[in-house]
């Protein structure tokens, strides 16, 4: 199932506290970047972020974005903009550190 543009728009609005977020469509889903760093995506109307040591403290469940892909973390509480910004910034930081 592809993600909807309505869910994409909702998630982008929820990420308003994250600097320089961009979104690129990819095969019916959406890849998410902050400052040019690919930190996650929207898959089947679910927000998933890459797994790095810096975001494990949030104890998010793992989810598979699509068949054959590596597990990512599922962000369940997308309504808390402050928490969402913290998760994304820590994920981005971990990716920038080479994790």
PDB file of N, CA and C in Angstrom:
ATOM      1  N   UNK A   1       0.841  -1.179   0.000  1.00  0.00           N
ATOM      2  CA  UNK A   1       0.000   0.000   0.000  1.00  0.00           C
ATOM      3  C   UNK A   1       0.885   1.240   0.000  1.00  0.00           C
ATOM      4  N   UNK A   2       0.612   2.168  -0.838  1.00  0.00           N
ATOM      5  CA  UNK A   2       1.373   3.414  -0.898  1.00  0.00           C
ATOM      6  C   UNK A   2       0.885   4.385   0.174  1.00  0.00           C
ATOM      7  N   UNK A   3       1.766   5.280   0.548  1.00  0.00           N
ATOM      8  CA  UNK A   3       1.398   6.309   1.525  1.00  0.00           C
ATOM      9  C   UNK A   3       0.597   7.410   0.845  1.00  0.00           C
ATOM     10  N   UNK A   4      -0.270   8.033   1.614  1.00  0.00           N
ATOM     11  CA  UNK A   4      -1.092   9.104   1.061  1.00  0.00           C
ATOM     12  C   UNK A   4      -0.400  10.457   1.187  1.00  0.00           C
ATOM     13  N   UNK A   5      -0.738  11.347   0.297  1.00  0.00           N
ATOM     14  CA  UNK A   5      -0.204  12.709   0.366  1.00  0.00           C
ATOM     15  C   UNK A   5      -0.729  13.429   1.599  1.00  0.00           C
ATOM     16  N   UNK A   6      -1.933  13.069   2.036  1.00  0.00           N
ATOM     17  CA  UNK A   6      -2.499  13.684   3.241  1.00  0.00           C
ATOM     18  C   UNK A   6      -1.669  13.325   4.475  1.00  0.00           C
ATOM     19  N   UNK A   7      -1.255  12.058   4.578  1.00  0.00           N
ATOM     20  CA  UNK A   7      -0.417  11.657   5.719  1.00  0.00           C
ATOM     21  C   UNK A   7       0.950  12.316   5.612  1.00  0.00           C
ATOM     22  N   UNK A   8       1.500  12.377   4.415  1.00  0.00           N
ATOM     23  CA  UNK A   8       2.783  13.070   4.209  1.00  0.00           C
ATOM     24  C   UNK A   8       2.690  14.517   4.685  1.00  0.00           C
ATOM     25  N   UNK A   9       1.633  15.207   4.283  1.00  0.00           N
ATOM     26  CA  UNK A   9       1.461  16.608   4.670  1.00  0.00           C
ATOM     27  C   UNK A   9       1.328  16.745   6.186  1.00  0.00           C
ATOM     28  N   UNK A  10       0.599  15.823   6.806  1.00  0.00           N
ATOM     29  CA  UNK A  10       0.438  15.835   8.263  1.00  0.00           C
ATOM     30  C   UNK A  10       1.798  15.661   8.948  1.00  0.00           C
ATOM     31  N   UNK A  11       2.583  14.695   8.491  1.00  0.00           N
ATOM     32  CA  UNK A  11       3.892  14.442   9.106  1.00  0.00           C
ATOM     33  C   UNK A  11       4.824  15.633   8.898  1.00  0.00           C
ATOM     34  N   UNK A  12       4.825  16.198   7.723  1.00  0.00           N
ATOM     35  CA  UNK A  12       5.676  17.367   7.479  1.00  0.00           C
ATOM     36  C   UNK A  12       5.285  18.525   8.385  1.00  0.00           C
ATOM     37  N   UNK A  13       3.998  18.700   8.624  1.00  0.00           N
ATOM     38  CA  UNK A  13       3.537  19.745   9.544  1.00  0.00           C
ATOM     39  C   UNK A  13       4.000  19.438  10.970  1.00  0.00           C
ATOM     40  N   UNK A  14       3.922  18.170  11.375  1.00  0.00           N
ATOM     41  CA  UNK A  14       4.351  17.776  12.723  1.00  0.00           C
ATOM     42  C   UNK A  14       5.852  17.980  12.912  1.00  0.00           C
ATOM     43  N   UNK A  15       6.619  17.953  11.829  1.00  0.00           N
ATOM     44  CA  UNK A  15       8.077  18.114  11.900  1.00  0.00           C
ATOM     45  C   UNK A  15       8.512  19.568  11.740  1.00  0.00           C
ATOM     46  N   UNK A  16       7.616  20.489  12.005  1.00  0.00           N
ATOM     47  CA  UNK A  16       7.930  21.905  11.807  1.00  0.00           C
ATOM     48  C   UNK A  16       9.078  22.400  12.694  1.00  0.00           C
ATOM     49  N   UNK A  17       9.385  21.682  13.779  1.00  0.00           N
ATOM     50  CA  UNK A  17      10.468  22.087  14.676  1.00  0.00           C
ATOM     51  C   UNK A  17      11.819  21.494  14.274  1.00  0.00           C
ATOM     52  N   UNK A  18      11.836  20.724  13.200  1.00  0.00           N
ATOM     53  CA  UNK A  18      13.070  20.123  12.692  1.00  0.00           C
ATOM     54  C   UNK A  18      13.588  20.999  11.558  1.00  0.00           C
ATOM     55  N   UNK A  19      14.873  21.372  11.597  1.00  0.00           N
ATOM     56  CA  UNK A  19      15.389  22.283  10.572  1.00  0.00           C
ATOM     57  C   UNK A  19      15.522  21.627   9.193  1.00  0.00           C
ATOM     58  N   UNK A  20      15.178  22.401   8.185  1.00  0.00           N
ATOM     59  CA  UNK A  20      15.465  22.061   6.789  1.00  0.00           C
ATOM     60  C   UNK A  20      15.005  20.666   6.371  1.00  0.00           C
ATOM     61  N   UNK A  21      13.755  20.329   6.667  1.00  0.00           N
ATOM     62  CA  UNK A  21      13.213  19.032   6.264  1.00  0.00           C
ATOM     63  C   UNK A  21      12.770  19.098   4.810  1.00  0.00           C
ATOM     64  N   UNK A  22      13.173  18.093   4.053  1.00  0.00           N
ATOM     65  CA  UNK A  22      12.716  17.946   2.679  1.00  0.00           C
ATOM     66  C   UNK A  22      12.178  16.531   2.505  1.00  0.00           C
ATOM     67  N   UNK A  23      11.332  16.386   1.510  1.00  0.00           N
ATOM     68  CA  UNK A  23      10.648  15.115   1.266  1.00  0.00           C
ATOM     69  C   UNK A  23      10.735  14.800  -0.218  1.00  0.00           C
ATOM     70  N   UNK A  24      11.118  13.558  -0.530  1.00  0.00           N
ATOM     71  CA  UNK A  24      11.191  13.140  -1.928  1.00  0.00           C
ATOM     72  C   UNK A  24      10.326  11.906  -2.133  1.00  0.00           C
ATOM     73  N   UNK A  25       9.481  11.921  -3.153  1.00  0.00           N
ATOM     74  CA  UNK A  25       8.681  10.726  -3.434  1.00  0.00           C
ATOM     75  C   UNK A  25       9.561   9.612  -3.983  1.00  0.00           C
ATOM     76  N   UNK A  26       9.249   8.378  -3.579  1.00  0.00           N
ATOM     77  CA  UNK A  26      10.012   7.231  -4.058  1.00  0.00           C
ATOM     78  C   UNK A  26       9.096   6.018  -4.111  1.00  0.00           C
ATOM     79  N   UNK A  27       8.667   5.641  -5.304  1.00  0.00           N
ATOM     80  CA  UNK A  27       7.876   4.437  -5.527  1.00  0.00           C
ATOM     81  C   UNK A  27       6.636   4.357  -4.623  1.00  0.00           C
ATOM     82  N   UNK A  28       5.888   5.434  -4.532  1.00  0.00           N
ATOM     83  CA  UNK A  28       4.661   5.451  -3.755  1.00  0.00           C
ATOM     84  C   UNK A  28       4.855   5.763  -2.281  1.00  0.00           C
ATOM     85  N   UNK A  29       6.092   5.940  -1.866  1.00  0.00           N
ATOM     86  CA  UNK A  29       6.406   6.285  -0.480  1.00  0.00           C
ATOM     87  C   UNK A  29       7.164   7.609  -0.483  1.00  0.00           C
ATOM     88  N   UNK A  30       7.662   8.041   0.683  1.00  0.00           N
ATOM     89  CA  UNK A  30       8.334   9.331   0.771  1.00  0.00           C
ATOM     90  C   UNK A  30       9.595   9.215   1.625  1.00  0.00           C
ATOM     91  N   UNK A  31      10.730   9.648   1.082  1.00  0.00           N
ATOM     92  CA  UNK A  31      11.981   9.688   1.827  1.00  0.00           C
ATOM     93  C   UNK A  31      12.101  11.048   2.488  1.00  0.00           C
ATOM     94  N   UNK A  32      12.601  11.062   3.735  1.00  0.00           N
ATOM     95  CA  UNK A  32      12.695  12.296   4.515  1.00  0.00           C
ATOM     96  C   UNK A  32      14.148  12.641   4.817  1.00  0.00           C
ATOM     97  N   UNK A  33      14.476  13.904   4.618  1.00  0.00           N
ATOM     98  CA  UNK A  33      15.824  14.411   4.826  1.00  0.00           C
ATOM     99  C   UNK A  33      15.763  15.624   5.745  1.00  0.00           C
ATOM    100  N   UNK A  34      16.843  15.840   6.486  1.00  0.00           N
ATOM    101  CA  UNK A  34      17.030  17.076   7.244  1.00  0.00           C
ATOM    102  C   UNK A  34      18.463  17.517   7.011  1.00  0.00           C
ATOM    103  N   UNK A  35      18.643  18.726   6.539  1.00  0.00           N
ATOM    104  CA  UNK A  35      19.972  19.232   6.176  1.00  0.00           C
ATOM    105  C   UNK A  35      20.682  18.276   5.219  1.00  0.00           C
ATOM    106  N   UNK A  36      19.914  17.654   4.325  1.00  0.00           N
ATOM    107  CA  UNK A  36      20.488  16.758   3.332  1.00  0.00           C
ATOM    108  C   UNK A  36      20.771  15.346   3.821  1.00  0.00           C
ATOM    109  N   UNK A  37      20.490  15.053   5.091  1.00  0.00           N
ATOM    110  CA  UNK A  37      20.727  13.731   5.660  1.00  0.00           C
ATOM    111  C   UNK A  37      19.435  12.919   5.610  1.00  0.00           C
ATOM    112  N   UNK A  38      19.486  11.760   4.951  1.00  0.00           N
ATOM    113  CA  UNK A  38      18.338  10.861   4.891  1.00  0.00           C
ATOM    114  C   UNK A  38      18.181  10.191   6.251  1.00  0.00           C
ATOM    115  N   UNK A  39      17.144  10.573   6.989  1.00  0.00           N
ATOM    116  CA  UNK A  39      16.958  10.038   8.342  1.00  0.00           C
ATOM    117  C   UNK A  39      15.821   9.043   8.442  1.00  0.00           C
ATOM    118  N   UNK A  40      14.946   8.992   7.440  1.00  0.00           N
ATOM    119  CA  UNK A  40      13.817   8.077   7.520  1.00  0.00           C
ATOM    120  C   UNK A  40      12.876   8.256   6.354  1.00  0.00           C
ATOM    121  N   UNK A  41      11.648   7.800   6.567  1.00  0.00           N
ATOM    122  CA  UNK A  41      10.679   7.908   5.500  1.00  0.00           C
ATOM    123  C   UNK A  41       9.270   7.603   5.972  1.00  0.00           C
ATOM    124  N   UNK A  42       8.363   7.813   5.070  1.00  0.00           N
ATOM    125  CA  UNK A  42       6.961   7.482   5.306  1.00  0.00           C
ATOM    126  C   UNK A  42       6.652   6.278   4.426  1.00  0.00           C
ATOM    127  N   UNK A  43       6.312   5.169   5.079  1.00  0.00           N
ATOM    128  CA  UNK A  43       6.039   3.914   4.399  1.00  0.00           C
ATOM    129  C   UNK A  43       4.691   3.397   4.873  1.00  0.00           C
ATOM    130  N   UNK A  44       3.775   3.169   3.953  1.00  0.00           N
ATOM    131  CA  UNK A  44       2.437   2.673   4.301  1.00  0.00           C
ATOM    132  C   UNK A  44       1.789   3.524   5.392  1.00  0.00           C
ATOM    133  N   UNK A  45       1.906   4.839   5.245  1.00  0.00           N
ATOM    134  CA  UNK A  45       1.357   5.795   6.217  1.00  0.00           C
ATOM    135  C   UNK A  45       1.886   5.549   7.630  1.00  0.00           C
ATOM    136  N   UNK A  46       3.168   5.215   7.707  1.00  0.00           N
ATOM    137  CA  UNK A  46       3.871   5.076   8.994  1.00  0.00           C
ATOM    138  C   UNK A  46       5.163   5.863   8.906  1.00  0.00           C
ATOM    139  N   UNK A  47       5.513   6.581   9.970  1.00  0.00           N
ATOM    140  CA  UNK A  47       6.784   7.298  10.021  1.00  0.00           C
ATOM    141  C   UNK A  47       7.839   6.368  10.596  1.00  0.00           C
ATOM    142  N   UNK A  48       8.873   6.089   9.804  1.00  0.00           N
ATOM    143  CA  UNK A  48       9.975   5.236  10.235  1.00  0.00           C
ATOM    144  C   UNK A  48      11.273   6.032  10.173  1.00  0.00           C
ATOM    145  N   UNK A  49      12.144   5.794  11.157  1.00  0.00           N
ATOM    146  CA  UNK A  49      13.460   6.426  11.163  1.00  0.00           C
ATOM    147  C   UNK A  49      14.521   5.343  11.197  1.00  0.00           C
ATOM    148  N   UNK A  50      15.695   5.687  10.676  1.00  0.00           N
ATOM    149  CA  UNK A  50      16.804   4.738  10.669  1.00  0.00           C
ATOM    150  C   UNK A  50      17.228   4.415  12.099  1.00  0.00           C
ATOM    151  N   UNK A  51      17.729   3.216  12.276  1.00  0.00           N
ATOM    152  CA  UNK A  51      18.198   2.777  13.588  1.00  0.00           C
ATOM    153  C   UNK A  51      19.650   3.204  13.782  1.00  0.00           C
ATOM    154  N   UNK A  52      19.891   3.964  14.830  1.00  0.00           N
ATOM    155  CA  UNK A  52      21.241   4.356  15.233  1.00  0.00           C
ATOM    156  C   UNK A  52      21.311   4.281  16.759  1.00  0.00           C
ATOM    157  N   UNK A  53      22.499   4.125  17.332  1.00  0.00           N
ATOM    158  CA  UNK A  53      22.598   4.066  18.797  1.00  0.00           C
ATOM    159  C   UNK A  53      21.995   5.289  19.487  1.00  0.00           C
ATOM    160  N   UNK A  54      22.068   6.432  18.841  1.00  0.00           N
ATOM    161  CA  UNK A  54      21.593   7.676  19.444  1.00  0.00           C
ATOM    162  C   UNK A  54      20.070   7.734  19.625  1.00  0.00           C
ATOM    163  N   UNK A  55      19.308   6.902  18.914  1.00  0.00           N
ATOM    164  CA  UNK A  55      17.854   6.961  19.084  1.00  0.00           C
ATOM    165  C   UNK A  55      17.280   5.718  19.768  1.00  0.00           C
ATOM    166  N   UNK A  56      18.127   4.820  20.237  1.00  0.00           N
ATOM    167  CA  UNK A  56      17.634   3.610  20.894  1.00  0.00           C
ATOM    168  C   UNK A  56      16.999   3.883  22.250  1.00  0.00           C
ATOM    169  N   UNK A  57      17.352   4.989  22.880  1.00  0.00           N
ATOM    170  CA  UNK A  57      16.793   5.317  24.196  1.00  0.00           C
ATOM    171  C   UNK A  57      15.278   5.513  24.162  1.00  0.00           C
ATOM    172  N   UNK A  58      14.717   5.753  22.983  1.00  0.00           N
ATOM    173  CA  UNK A  58      13.278   6.000  22.869  1.00  0.00           C
ATOM    174  C   UNK A  58      12.475   4.702  22.828  1.00  0.00           C
ATOM    175  N   UNK A  59      13.159   3.578  22.757  1.00  0.00           N
ATOM    176  CA  UNK A  59      12.531   2.252  22.804  1.00  0.00           C
ATOM    177  C   UNK A  59      11.359   2.129  21.834  1.00  0.00           C
ATOM    178  N   UNK A  60      11.600   2.530  20.606  1.00  0.00           N
ATOM    179  CA  UNK A  60      10.579   2.439  19.565  1.00  0.00           C
ATOM    180  C   UNK A  60      10.566   1.022  18.997  1.00  0.00           C
ATOM    181  N   UNK A  61       9.421   0.534  18.591  1.00  0.00           N
ATOM    182  CA  UNK A  61       9.368  -0.799  17.991  1.00  0.00           C
ATOM    183  C   UNK A  61      10.011  -0.802  16.604  1.00  0.00           C
ATOM    184  N   UNK A  62      10.533  -1.950  16.221  1.00  0.00           N
ATOM    185  CA  UNK A  62      11.080  -2.096  14.884  1.00  0.00           C
ATOM    186  C   UNK A  62       9.949  -2.353  13.886  1.00  0.00           C
ATOM    187  N   UNK A  63      10.163  -1.912  12.656  1.00  0.00           N
ATOM    188  CA  UNK A  63       9.215  -2.159  11.577  1.00  0.00           C
ATOM    189  C   UNK A  63      10.007  -2.280  10.280  1.00  0.00           C
ATOM    190  N   UNK A  64       9.498  -3.067   9.380  1.00  0.00           N
ATOM    191  CA  UNK A  64      10.114  -3.240   8.066  1.00  0.00           C
ATOM    192  C   UNK A  64       9.402  -2.297   7.096  1.00  0.00           C
ATOM    193  N   UNK A  65      10.145  -1.396   6.444  1.00  0.00           N
ATOM    194  CA  UNK A  65       9.480  -0.442   5.540  1.00  0.00           C
ATOM    195  C   UNK A  65       8.886  -1.108   4.296  1.00  0.00           C
ATOM    196  N   UNK A  66       9.583  -2.110   3.774  1.00  0.00           N
ATOM    197  CA  UNK A  66       9.124  -2.840   2.590  1.00  0.00           C
ATOM    198  C   UNK A  66       9.867  -4.169   2.542  1.00  0.00           C
ATOM    199  N   UNK A  67       9.358  -5.115   1.788  1.00  0.00           N
ATOM    200  CA  UNK A  67       9.966  -6.442   1.715  1.00  0.00           C
ATOM    201  C   UNK A  67      11.435  -6.359   1.334  1.00  0.00           C
ATOM    202  N   UNK A  68      12.268  -7.048   2.103  1.00  0.00           N
ATOM    203  CA  UNK A  68      13.696  -7.099   1.824  1.00  0.00           C
ATOM    204  C   UNK A  68      14.512  -5.973   2.436  1.00  0.00           C
ATOM    205  N   UNK A  69      13.866  -5.028   3.095  1.00  0.00           N
ATOM    206  CA  UNK A  69      14.577  -3.888   3.684  1.00  0.00           C
ATOM    207  C   UNK A  69      15.028  -4.201   5.105  1.00  0.00           C
ATOM    208  N   UNK A  70      16.020  -3.451   5.559  1.00  0.00           N
ATOM    209  CA  UNK A  70      16.474  -3.560   6.942  1.00  0.00           C
ATOM    210  C   UNK A  70      15.428  -2.952   7.866  1.00  0.00           C
ATOM    211  N   UNK A  71      15.326  -3.463   9.091  1.00  0.00           N
ATOM    212  CA  UNK A  71      14.375  -2.880  10.042  1.00  0.00           C
ATOM    213  C   UNK A  71      14.723  -1.431  10.371  1.00  0.00           C
ATOM    214  N   UNK A  72      13.684  -0.674  10.625  1.00  0.00           N
ATOM    215  CA  UNK A  72      13.818   0.712  11.060  1.00  0.00           C
ATOM    216  C   UNK A  72      12.998   0.846  12.330  1.00  0.00           C
ATOM    217  N   UNK A  73      13.058   2.019  12.959  1.00  0.00           N
ATOM    218  CA  UNK A  73      12.229   2.269  14.130  1.00  0.00           C
ATOM    219  C   UNK A  73      10.940   2.965  13.708  1.00  0.00           C
ATOM    220  N   UNK A  74       9.830   2.496  14.269  1.00  0.00           N
ATOM    221  CA  UNK A  74       8.515   3.086  14.028  1.00  0.00           C
ATOM    222  C   UNK A  74       8.261   4.174  15.063  1.00  0.00           C
ATOM    223  N   UNK A  75       8.015   5.392  14.605  1.00  0.00           N
ATOM    224  CA  UNK A  75       7.680   6.497  15.497  1.00  0.00           C
ATOM    225  C   UNK A  75       6.166   6.465  15.684  1.00  0.00           C
ATOM    226  N   UNK A  76       5.744   6.047  16.859  1.00  0.00           N
ATOM    227  CA  UNK A  76       4.312   5.899  17.120  1.00  0.00           C
ATOM    228  C   UNK A  76       3.660   7.208  17.558  1.00  0.00           C
ATOM    229  N   UNK A  77       4.376   8.021  18.342  1.00  0.00           N
ATOM    230  CA  UNK A  77       3.795   9.262  18.862  1.00  0.00           C
ATOM    231  C   UNK A  77       4.169  10.426  17.950  1.00  0.00           C
ATOM    232  N   UNK A  78       3.462  10.549  16.841  1.00  0.00           N
ATOM    233  CA  UNK A  78       3.752  11.629  15.899  1.00  0.00           C
ATOM    234  C   UNK A  78       3.027  12.917  16.266  1.00  0.00           C
ATOM    235  N   UNK A  79       2.222  12.892  17.327  1.00  0.00           N
ATOM    236  CA  UNK A  79       1.503  14.090  17.755  1.00  0.00           C
ATOM    237  C   UNK A  79       2.341  15.002  18.651  1.00  0.00           C
ATOM    238  N   UNK A  80       3.383  14.463  19.277  1.00  0.00           N
ATOM    239  CA  UNK A  80       4.250  15.239  20.169  1.00  0.00           C
ATOM    240  C   UNK A  80       5.384  15.842  19.332  1.00  0.00           C
ATOM    241  N   UNK A  81       5.225  17.089  18.930  1.00  0.00           N
ATOM    242  CA  UNK A  81       6.193  17.731  18.044  1.00  0.00           C
ATOM    243  C   UNK A  81       7.577  17.866  18.675  1.00  0.00           C
ATOM    244  N   UNK A  82       7.639  18.121  19.977  1.00  0.00           N
ATOM    245  CA  UNK A  82       8.940  18.250  20.636  1.00  0.00           C
ATOM    246  C   UNK A  82       9.676  16.914  20.663  1.00  0.00           C
ATOM    247  N   UNK A  83       8.967  15.856  21.026  1.00  0.00           N
ATOM    248  CA  UNK A  83       9.571  14.523  21.037  1.00  0.00           C
ATOM    249  C   UNK A  83       9.985  14.118  19.628  1.00  0.00           C
ATOM    250  N   UNK A  84       9.141  14.382  18.661  1.00  0.00           N
ATOM    251  CA  UNK A  84       9.443  14.055  17.276  1.00  0.00           C
ATOM    252  C   UNK A  84      10.711  14.770  16.815  1.00  0.00           C
ATOM    253  N   UNK A  85      10.849  16.038  17.146  1.00  0.00           N
ATOM    254  CA  UNK A  85      12.050  16.796  16.777  1.00  0.00           C
ATOM    255  C   UNK A  85      13.282  16.203  17.444  1.00  0.00           C
ATOM    256  N   UNK A  86      13.170  15.812  18.698  1.00  0.00           N
ATOM    257  CA  UNK A  86      14.304  15.217  19.410  1.00  0.00           C
ATOM    258  C   UNK A  86      14.717  13.898  18.770  1.00  0.00           C
ATOM    259  N   UNK A  87      13.751  13.043  18.468  1.00  0.00           N
ATOM    260  CA  UNK A  87      14.048  11.756  17.829  1.00  0.00           C
ATOM    261  C   UNK A  87      14.756  11.977  16.495  1.00  0.00           C
ATOM    262  N   UNK A  88      14.241  12.872  15.686  1.00  0.00           N
ATOM    263  CA  UNK A  88      14.820  13.103  14.361  1.00  0.00           C
ATOM    264  C   UNK A  88      16.208  13.717  14.473  1.00  0.00           C
ATOM    265  N   UNK A  89      16.387  14.700  15.356  1.00  0.00           N
ATOM    266  CA  UNK A  89      17.706  15.325  15.511  1.00  0.00           C
ATOM    267  C   UNK A  89      18.747  14.335  16.022  1.00  0.00           C
ATOM    268  N   UNK A  90      18.357  13.457  16.934  1.00  0.00           N
ATOM    269  CA  UNK A  90      19.297  12.448  17.427  1.00  0.00           C
ATOM    270  C   UNK A  90      19.596  11.411  16.354  1.00  0.00           C
ATOM    271  N   UNK A  91      18.601  11.055  15.581  1.00  0.00           N
ATOM    272  CA  UNK A  91      18.819  10.126  14.464  1.00  0.00           C
ATOM    273  C   UNK A  91      19.784  10.737  13.457  1.00  0.00           C
ATOM    274  N   UNK A  92      19.522  11.983  13.099  1.00  0.00           N
ATOM    275  CA  UNK A  92      20.389  12.686  12.139  1.00  0.00           C
ATOM    276  C   UNK A  92      21.806  12.795  12.684  1.00  0.00           C
ATOM    277  N   UNK A  93      21.944  13.111  13.970  1.00  0.00           N
ATOM    278  CA  UNK A  93      23.266  13.207  14.581  1.00  0.00           C
ATOM    279  C   UNK A  93      24.025  11.890  14.517  1.00  0.00           C
ATOM    280  N   UNK A  94      23.318  10.801  14.786  1.00  0.00           N
ATOM    281  CA  UNK A  94      23.949   9.491  14.705  1.00  0.00           C
ATOM    282  C   UNK A  94      24.404   9.155  13.293  1.00  0.00           C
ATOM    283  N   UNK A  95      23.603   9.513  12.330  1.00  0.00           N
ATOM    284  CA  UNK A  95      23.967   9.251  10.927  1.00  0.00           C
ATOM    285  C   UNK A  95      25.146  10.114  10.502  1.00  0.00           C
ATOM    286  N   UNK A  96      25.207  11.339  10.990  1.00  0.00           N
ATOM    287  CA  UNK A  96      26.325  12.219  10.667  1.00  0.00           C
ATOM    288  C   UNK A  96      27.614  11.737  11.316  1.00  0.00           C
ATOM    289  N   UNK A  97      27.481  11.013  12.430  1.00  0.00           N
ATOM    290  CA  UNK A  97      28.651  10.458  13.125  1.00  0.00           C
ATOM    291  C   UNK A  97      29.097   9.126  12.540  1.00  0.00           C
ATOM    292  N   UNK A  98      28.412   8.689  11.481  1.00  0.00           N
ATOM    293  CA  UNK A  98      28.808   7.463  10.805  1.00  0.00           C
ATOM    294  C   UNK A  98      28.135   6.201  11.330  1.00  0.00           C
ATOM    295  N   UNK A  99      27.102   6.323  12.136  1.00  0.00           N
ATOM    296  CA  UNK A  99      26.395   5.147  12.641  1.00  0.00           C
ATOM    297  C   UNK A  99      25.343   4.673  11.677  1.00  0.00           C
TER     298      UNK A  99
END
